[in-house]
Amino acid sequence: MKTLAVAVTKGAREKADVKATTLLAATVIGIGCILLGERPASAEWFADIYAGPTFTAHHDVTIDGAVGRGRYLDVGFDKALSFGGRFGHYFEAVPFVGVAVDYFQFYPNIGPQSVQLRGCFVVGGCVNGQGGTGSFDITERTISVDLMLRLPLIKTADAPQGLVQPYIAVGLPLVITNVDPRNTRLFRNHNDATDFSFGAKAVGGLAVQVYKNLALFAEYRFNHVSTDVDLQDSVSAAKATLRTDLNSHSALVGISARW
């Protein structure tokens, strides 16, 4: 009966995640339709794809469980490939101002490592010393509507908005973080959970037009989110909440179609 209850609970959670993701996708499509509708003939529209490495800064990981609070200090996150895309437009009246819908994904996994432990844990009791983290697969997806500002440089007849365009962007993304314990002592392995939180994002880059409707760009991106996910401990399957901050730095290159 306990196994059946766990299976039902996991199935319900997966259905809820699917519904939430479907609703999120519908929202993004709706925003895109609004942006693409009734566009001025002279407004500049763009669609970008990009990829590059992402580095996530070390941070403490806090675990609130049945026996109290424990902390892994200064945990390292894996460097990972990141990728995404965005589309939007710059306004006709103020061509240096634009808006864009952006999707970004990366994998700040926690690999096996030795760190300082503080507090009480369901396995090992209350400790103040060195210990292992185990490994976790983490997937982070962000969706946002961004404000974009650009500086048109080297204007020509074929490039009225400038052959070179430094730009910045800011947004408050919805961040979807999935955490899956892969090989741990404290949590039920392969029993993942997903958190939905709002974060912060800042972007700076440089686009260079290489053809009439084509540009290449490179950009730096900073993402921040505070996330907490409700996992299950390895002893009694009681709720064990994992909390941490993900502060990520990305170096991206991409291609932009403009019309």
Protein backbone atom coordinates (compact mmCIF):
# COMPACT_ATOMS: atom_id res chain seq x y z
CA MET A 1 0.00 0.00 0.00
CA LYS A 2 2.86 2.40 0.79
CA THR A 3 4.41 1.73 -2.64
CA LEU A 4 1.03 2.33 -4.30
CA ALA A 5 0.59 5.61 -2.40
CA VAL A 6 4.04 6.81 -3.46
CA ALA A 7 3.31 5.90 -7.08
CA VAL A 8 -0.03 7.74 -7.01
CA THR A 9 1.61 10.80 -5.44
CA LYS A 10 4.38 10.83 -8.03
CA GLY A 11 1.87 10.38 -10.85
CA ALA A 12 -0.23 13.28 -9.58
CA ARG A 13 2.86 15.49 -9.34
CA GLU A 14 3.90 14.60 -12.89
CA LYS A 15 0.41 15.42 -14.19
CA ALA A 16 0.52 18.76 -12.36
CA ASP A 17 3.95 19.53 -13.89
CA VAL A 18 2.63 18.69 -17.37
CA LYS A 19 -0.41 20.93 -16.88
CA ALA A 20 1.75 23.79 -15.59
CA THR A 21 4.18 23.45 -18.51
CA THR A 22 1.29 23.34 -21.00
CA LEU A 23 -0.23 26.47 -19.48
CA LEU A 24 3.17 28.18 -19.56
CA ALA A 25 3.68 27.29 -23.23
CA ALA A 26 0.20 28.57 -24.08
CA THR A 27 0.97 31.84 -22.30
CA VAL A 28 4.23 32.31 -24.25
CA ILE A 29 2.47 31.54 -27.55
CA GLY A 30 -0.23 34.04 -26.65
CA ILE A 31 2.35 36.72 -25.92
CA GLY A 32 4.05 35.96 -29.20
CA CYS A 33 0.77 36.29 -31.11
CA ILE A 34 0.15 39.67 -29.48
CA LEU A 35 3.64 40.84 -30.42
CA LEU A 36 3.32 39.59 -33.98
CA GLY A 37 -0.12 41.05 -34.55
CA GLU A 38 -0.66 44.42 -36.23
CA ARG A 39 3.02 45.21 -36.65
CA PRO A 40 4.05 48.47 -38.36
CA ALA A 41 5.61 47.99 -41.78
CA SER A 42 8.80 49.78 -40.78
CA ALA A 43 9.29 48.21 -37.35
CA GLU A 44 12.32 45.91 -37.10
CA TRP A 45 11.55 42.38 -35.99
CA PHE A 46 14.10 39.75 -35.03
CA ALA A 47 14.43 36.07 -34.15
CA ASP A 48 17.56 34.82 -32.39
CA ILE A 49 19.05 31.46 -31.47
CA TYR A 50 22.13 31.13 -29.26
CA ALA A 51 24.27 28.76 -27.21
CA GLY A 52 27.36 28.77 -25.00
CA PRO A 53 28.80 27.72 -21.64
CA THR A 54 27.24 28.67 -18.31
CA PHE A 55 29.10 28.87 -14.99
CA THR A 56 27.14 28.81 -11.71
CA ALA A 57 28.77 30.29 -8.61
CA HIS A 58 29.37 28.20 -5.47
CA HIS A 59 26.65 28.53 -2.87
CA ASP A 60 25.39 26.89 0.34
CA VAL A 61 22.66 24.25 0.03
CA THR A 62 20.17 24.10 2.93
CA ILE A 63 18.10 21.03 3.75
CA ASP A 64 15.06 21.29 6.05
CA GLY A 65 13.92 17.81 7.05
CA ALA A 66 12.31 15.76 9.78
CA VAL A 67 15.34 16.05 12.08
CA GLY A 68 15.90 19.77 11.61
CA ARG A 69 18.07 21.92 9.37
CA GLY A 70 21.39 20.94 7.81
CA ARG A 71 23.65 22.77 5.39
CA TYR A 72 26.20 21.87 2.77
CA LEU A 73 28.63 24.79 2.69
CA ASP A 74 30.07 26.29 -0.51
CA VAL A 75 28.72 23.68 -2.92
CA GLY A 76 30.07 23.72 -6.48
CA PHE A 77 27.83 23.44 -9.55
CA ASP A 78 28.88 21.96 -12.88
CA LYS A 79 29.81 24.09 -15.87
CA ALA A 80 27.28 23.28 -18.57
CA LEU A 81 26.20 23.98 -22.13
CA SER A 82 23.27 26.41 -22.30
CA PHE A 83 21.03 27.36 -25.19
CA GLY A 84 17.90 29.28 -26.06
CA GLY A 85 16.07 31.59 -28.38
CA ARG A 86 14.12 34.85 -28.41
CA PHE A 87 11.96 36.88 -30.74
CA GLY A 88 10.69 40.42 -30.59
CA HIS A 89 10.90 43.81 -32.22
CA TYR A 90 12.25 47.33 -31.90
CA PHE A 91 9.63 50.09 -31.98
CA GLU A 92 9.17 52.35 -34.99
CA ALA A 93 8.85 55.55 -32.93
CA VAL A 94 11.87 54.76 -30.71
CA PRO A 95 14.06 52.36 -32.74
CA PHE A 96 16.60 51.94 -29.95
CA VAL A 97 13.93 50.43 -27.62
CA GLY A 98 12.51 46.94 -28.03
CA VAL A 99 10.81 44.02 -26.33
CA ALA A 100 11.46 40.30 -26.70
CA VAL A 101 10.18 36.96 -25.45
CA ASP A 102 13.17 34.85 -24.35
CA TYR A 103 13.60 31.14 -23.51
CA PHE A 104 16.84 29.91 -21.88
CA GLN A 105 17.89 26.48 -20.56
CA PHE A 106 20.95 25.09 -18.80
CA TYR A 107 22.06 22.34 -16.38
CA PRO A 108 23.80 23.44 -13.13
CA ASN A 109 24.21 19.88 -11.82
CA ILE A 110 25.79 19.09 -8.46
CA GLY A 111 28.50 16.48 -8.84
CA PRO A 112 29.95 14.31 -6.03
CA GLN A 113 32.19 16.45 -3.83
CA SER A 114 33.44 16.81 -0.28
CA VAL A 115 32.14 19.89 1.59
CA GLN A 116 31.69 21.17 5.12
CA LEU A 117 28.49 19.97 6.82
CA ARG A 118 26.65 21.96 9.49
CA GLY A 119 23.49 20.96 11.34
CA CYS A 120 21.35 17.84 11.51
CA PHE A 121 20.68 15.31 8.76
CA VAL A 122 18.37 12.30 8.50
CA VAL A 123 21.43 10.10 7.85
CA GLY A 124 24.45 10.73 10.07
CA GLY A 125 22.68 12.83 12.72
CA CYS A 126 23.96 16.25 13.81
CA VAL A 127 27.46 16.95 12.52
CA ASN A 128 30.02 19.71 12.17
CA GLY A 129 32.65 18.42 9.77
CA GLN A 130 33.49 17.14 6.34
CA GLY A 131 31.12 15.04 4.25
CA GLY A 132 29.90 14.22 0.75
CA THR A 133 27.03 15.76 -1.18
CA GLY A 134 26.19 12.93 -3.54
CA SER A 135 25.06 13.94 -7.03
CA PHE A 136 21.99 15.81 -8.30
CA ASP A 137 20.78 16.50 -11.82
CA ILE A 138 19.42 20.04 -12.06
CA THR A 139 17.63 21.51 -15.07
CA GLU A 140 16.82 25.21 -15.16
CA ARG A 141 14.49 26.76 -17.73
CA THR A 142 13.66 30.47 -17.85
CA ILE A 143 10.97 32.32 -19.79
CA SER A 144 10.74 36.11 -19.75
CA VAL A 145 9.54 39.21 -21.54
CA ASP A 146 12.60 41.47 -21.73
CA LEU A 147 13.13 45.18 -22.24
CA MET A 148 15.93 45.70 -24.78
CA LEU A 149 17.99 48.82 -25.54
CA ARG A 150 20.46 49.16 -28.40
CA LEU A 151 22.87 51.75 -29.79
CA PRO A 152 22.88 51.86 -33.64
CA LEU A 153 26.40 52.50 -34.95
CA ILE A 154 27.80 52.81 -38.51
CA LYS A 155 24.51 53.46 -40.28
CA THR A 156 24.31 52.84 -44.03
CA ALA A 157 21.59 52.72 -46.67
CA ASP A 158 21.43 48.93 -46.37
CA ALA A 159 21.69 49.06 -42.57
CA PRO A 160 19.67 52.08 -41.36
CA GLN A 161 19.73 50.70 -37.80
CA GLY A 162 23.52 50.36 -37.84
CA LEU A 163 25.99 47.69 -38.90
CA VAL A 164 27.14 47.40 -35.28
CA GLN A 165 24.71 47.40 -32.36
CA PRO A 166 25.78 47.19 -28.71
CA TYR A 167 22.73 46.23 -26.64
CA ILE A 168 21.52 45.50 -23.14
CA ALA A 169 18.44 43.71 -21.83
CA VAL A 170 16.76 43.15 -18.49
CA GLY A 171 13.92 40.89 -17.40
CA LEU A 172 12.21 39.12 -14.50
CA PRO A 173 12.00 35.55 -15.77
CA LEU A 174 9.78 32.75 -14.60
CA VAL A 175 12.34 30.10 -13.61
CA ILE A 176 11.41 26.41 -13.69
CA THR A 177 13.97 24.38 -11.73
CA ASN A 178 13.87 20.59 -11.65
CA VAL A 179 16.05 18.76 -9.09
CA ASP A 180 16.58 15.00 -9.36
CA PRO A 181 18.73 13.22 -6.71
CA ARG A 182 20.83 10.72 -8.64
CA ASN A 183 23.13 9.17 -6.04
CA THR A 184 22.60 10.53 -2.52
CA ARG A 185 22.35 9.23 1.04
CA LEU A 186 19.82 11.80 2.28
CA PHE A 187 17.14 11.67 -0.42
CA ARG A 188 15.16 9.07 -2.30
CA ASN A 189 17.08 8.80 -5.53
CA HIS A 190 15.39 9.30 -8.90
CA ASN A 191 12.46 10.99 -7.16
CA ASP A 192 12.57 14.51 -8.62
CA ALA A 193 10.64 17.69 -7.88
CA THR A 194 10.10 21.00 -9.66
CA ASP A 195 10.06 24.57 -8.37
CA PHE A 196 8.48 27.61 -10.06
CA SER A 197 10.00 30.94 -8.98
CA PHE A 198 10.63 34.41 -10.36
CA GLY A 199 14.23 35.46 -10.82
CA ALA A 200 16.28 38.29 -12.30
CA LYS A 201 18.26 38.58 -15.51
CA ALA A 202 20.67 41.09 -17.07
CA VAL A 203 22.22 40.87 -20.54
CA GLY A 204 24.88 42.81 -22.42
CA GLY A 205 26.02 42.07 -25.95
CA LEU A 206 27.19 43.18 -29.37
CA ALA A 207 25.48 42.39 -32.70
CA VAL A 208 27.21 42.81 -36.07
CA GLN A 209 25.27 42.74 -39.34
CA VAL A 210 26.89 40.35 -41.81
CA TYR A 211 24.16 40.39 -44.46
CA LYS A 212 21.11 42.52 -45.18
CA ASN A 213 18.82 40.50 -42.90
CA LEU A 214 21.36 38.56 -40.86
CA ALA A 215 23.49 39.42 -37.83
CA LEU A 216 25.88 37.56 -35.57
CA PHE A 217 26.07 38.41 -31.89
CA ALA A 218 27.92 37.63 -28.68
CA GLU A 219 26.54 38.35 -25.24
CA TYR A 220 27.11 37.98 -21.52
CA ARG A 221 24.12 36.95 -19.41
CA PHE A 222 23.60 36.88 -15.65
CA ASN A 223 20.73 34.89 -14.13
CA HIS A 224 19.68 34.71 -10.48
CA VAL A 225 17.01 32.65 -8.75
CA SER A 226 16.36 31.44 -5.21
CA THR A 227 14.85 27.99 -5.48
CA ASP A 228 13.43 25.42 -3.07
CA VAL A 229 12.14 21.97 -3.95
CA ASP A 230 10.30 19.48 -1.76
CA LEU A 231 12.05 16.12 -2.06
CA GLN A 232 11.65 12.97 0.07
CA ASP A 233 14.21 11.77 2.59
CA SER A 234 15.77 8.34 2.21
CA VAL A 235 14.63 6.98 5.60
CA SER A 236 10.87 7.59 5.92
CA ALA A 237 10.02 9.39 2.64
CA ALA A 238 9.14 12.45 4.73
CA LYS A 239 9.33 15.87 3.09
CA ALA A 240 12.85 17.27 2.89
CA THR A 241 13.11 20.74 1.35
CA LEU A 242 16.30 21.62 -0.53
CA ARG A 243 17.05 25.34 -0.87
CA THR A 244 19.81 27.22 -2.67
CA ASP A 245 20.58 30.26 -4.83
CA LEU A 246 21.62 29.78 -8.44
CA ASN A 247 23.74 32.71 -9.66
CA SER A 248 24.81 31.91 -13.20
CA HIS A 249 27.11 33.59 -15.72
CA SER A 250 26.79 32.72 -19.42
CA ALA A 251 28.96 33.51 -22.46
CA LEU A 252 26.74 33.10 -25.52
CA VAL A 253 27.08 33.41 -29.27
CA GLY A 254 24.23 33.35 -31.74
CA ILE A 255 22.67 34.26 -35.05
CA SER A 256 19.86 36.78 -35.58
CA ALA A 257 17.40 37.04 -38.47
CA ARG A 258 15.97 40.57 -38.90
CA TRP A 259 13.19 41.93 -41.05
